[in-house]
Amino acid sequence: MAYSPIEGSSYLIEGEFWDRMNKHQTAIHQWLLRSSPRPLSISIYIPQSLELKGLFEVADGGDVGYLGYFVLLASVFPRLSVLDASFPPGDVSQFFAFITPEELPILRRLRLTFYSHYMRPYTTSKSHHERWKSTRLLKATNLRQLELIYFPYTIPNYMEVQWYNLTHLHIMFGEPDWQNNGFTLHEAHGVLSLCYHLVKLAMKVIGDNSAISPVGSVRLPFLQSIALIDAAVNLSTLIDCIEVPQLTLIAYESFHGPSDYFRSPLTLLLSKNNMRTEELTTNIEHLSLLNLYWLFYYSPNLTHFHHTSSQQWVHRLRATHLDLPLNFERAFIEFLIPDSEGRCSLPSLTHLHITGANVEIINDTLIARIVKGRRERRQHSARALKHVRIDAEGYVDYARISGQLETWRHGYATNASRRQLVVPPTGSSGPGGDFKECKANVEFFYPASSNTNMPSPPELGRGKFEVGRDVDSSRQWGWKLHPYPRQVPDL
């Protein structure tokens, strides 16, 4: 339910433009009549470059203009089950802020994206309507899934939201000071204490050295997925309070560097779910070696791991606290390769994705070694890898980002070159073995502008895995990090 005047509209004379808009609104109205009385899922996207001033005024000649779309929307409020809206400050923002819960009796999912003056500095509307500080829209009786992206104001736990009913909560705050916008530890504790039925959570938590979380248990017995942005020095004080026995998917990003003096909030969170974690997204360079050990220890059932680029730059030597020429990403991969006794970290891993990789270090040779090593040990201590993806430094996955940023909704072509390294099954599987499970698909993505002369992708078979010059293994320094130590070290 949208009409964009951006593409080609400058070539239309005013009368033709309004005529086309009126016809479009008539077609939508007829479709809504045909769909009655079914529940509706509606998405509305107002481009950032379009400022709808005077939205509620009738245009010259009696045309209702853009207002007609919102009249249509209001007419089907009682049937709305899902509403997804993206809008800049101004009249549209005000329209949504004043919607009442009584108008949306069956609304189950609400996703709002708030564009700001800082995203589009040429606009005359500086901020979203202050009604959002006390809007009743979020109190819809049947609301179960709430997503607020770039929300312009704070959300205290006394705000009119049916917290107890929510199963999905995703709140990220907006500009201008993005790093310092988020839930305080006190606010996060208060809100989560009310969200007993949460299944999926995404939030950012902030706090300085003096801020700590209130005490008291926060029970989230149904939570399965959590995405945390850690901008709080003492986030661990909040994690200490949380009970998440069913948690299986974790995404964690930190604004802090690694430390051997404090337990990472990530490893503390991993200890809360009886080693149930199956998927993990984080930046390992924010972990010290000791905290990386804990990550391995608490993740024996991890099947998917994504090392993601960080918003905060961390020196790779600082990540280890050791004066050694160590690349932490490479060391991490080395720990995934079974040793001579068949022991390795993350034994259940089947999918590995690394972004921001230095392809001179995370190269074909290293990836082939991990594929070979885990394939040969699959019947003993490690599962074979099924898919490996390496995104080189400088490569930007626009296809993935466009799903998160509405700015790119109308399309940017992926700027990358891609090649595959397929490790086919060879030999016999042996008694009771299914060799089809051994095939690994390995993909390397490079920036299209890269001048690196990469070798042609080899077709790798048994006995041909060591391709190119050898690179010294991190195991030469004698580190042995295994997921089942005889004695758990103290932090």
Foldseek 3Di string as FASTA:
>chain_A
DEDDCPPPVVVDDPVVVLVVVVVVLVVVLVVVVVPPPAADADEYEDAPVDDCAPLCDQDPPRRNPNVSVVVSVLVNLQRYQHYHYEDEADDVLVVLQADALVSRQRHAEYAYEYDACVVPVVDPGHDHDPSNVAGRNQQNPNYAAYAYHQAADDDALVHNHQQQRYQHYHYQHHDDVRLADFAELARVLSSLQNNQNYQEEETEYAADPVGAHDAAARENANHAYYEYEYRHPHCLRSLVRYAYQNYAYYEYAYQAAEDPVDADSVLSNLVRHQLRHAEYEYALLRYEPLNVLSVQQSHLNHAYYEHDDHPHDDDQCSSHVDPDPDRPVQQQLLQLFQDPVRFHTNQNYAEYEYAQDACVRVHQLSVLRNQVRQLVSCVPRHNHHAEYEYEHHPFDACVVVVVVDVNQVVHDDRQWDKDKAKAAFDDDQDPPGDRVRSIHIYMYIYGNPDPDDDDHHDHDYPPRSRDDDDDDHPCVVVDRRGNDDPDRDDD
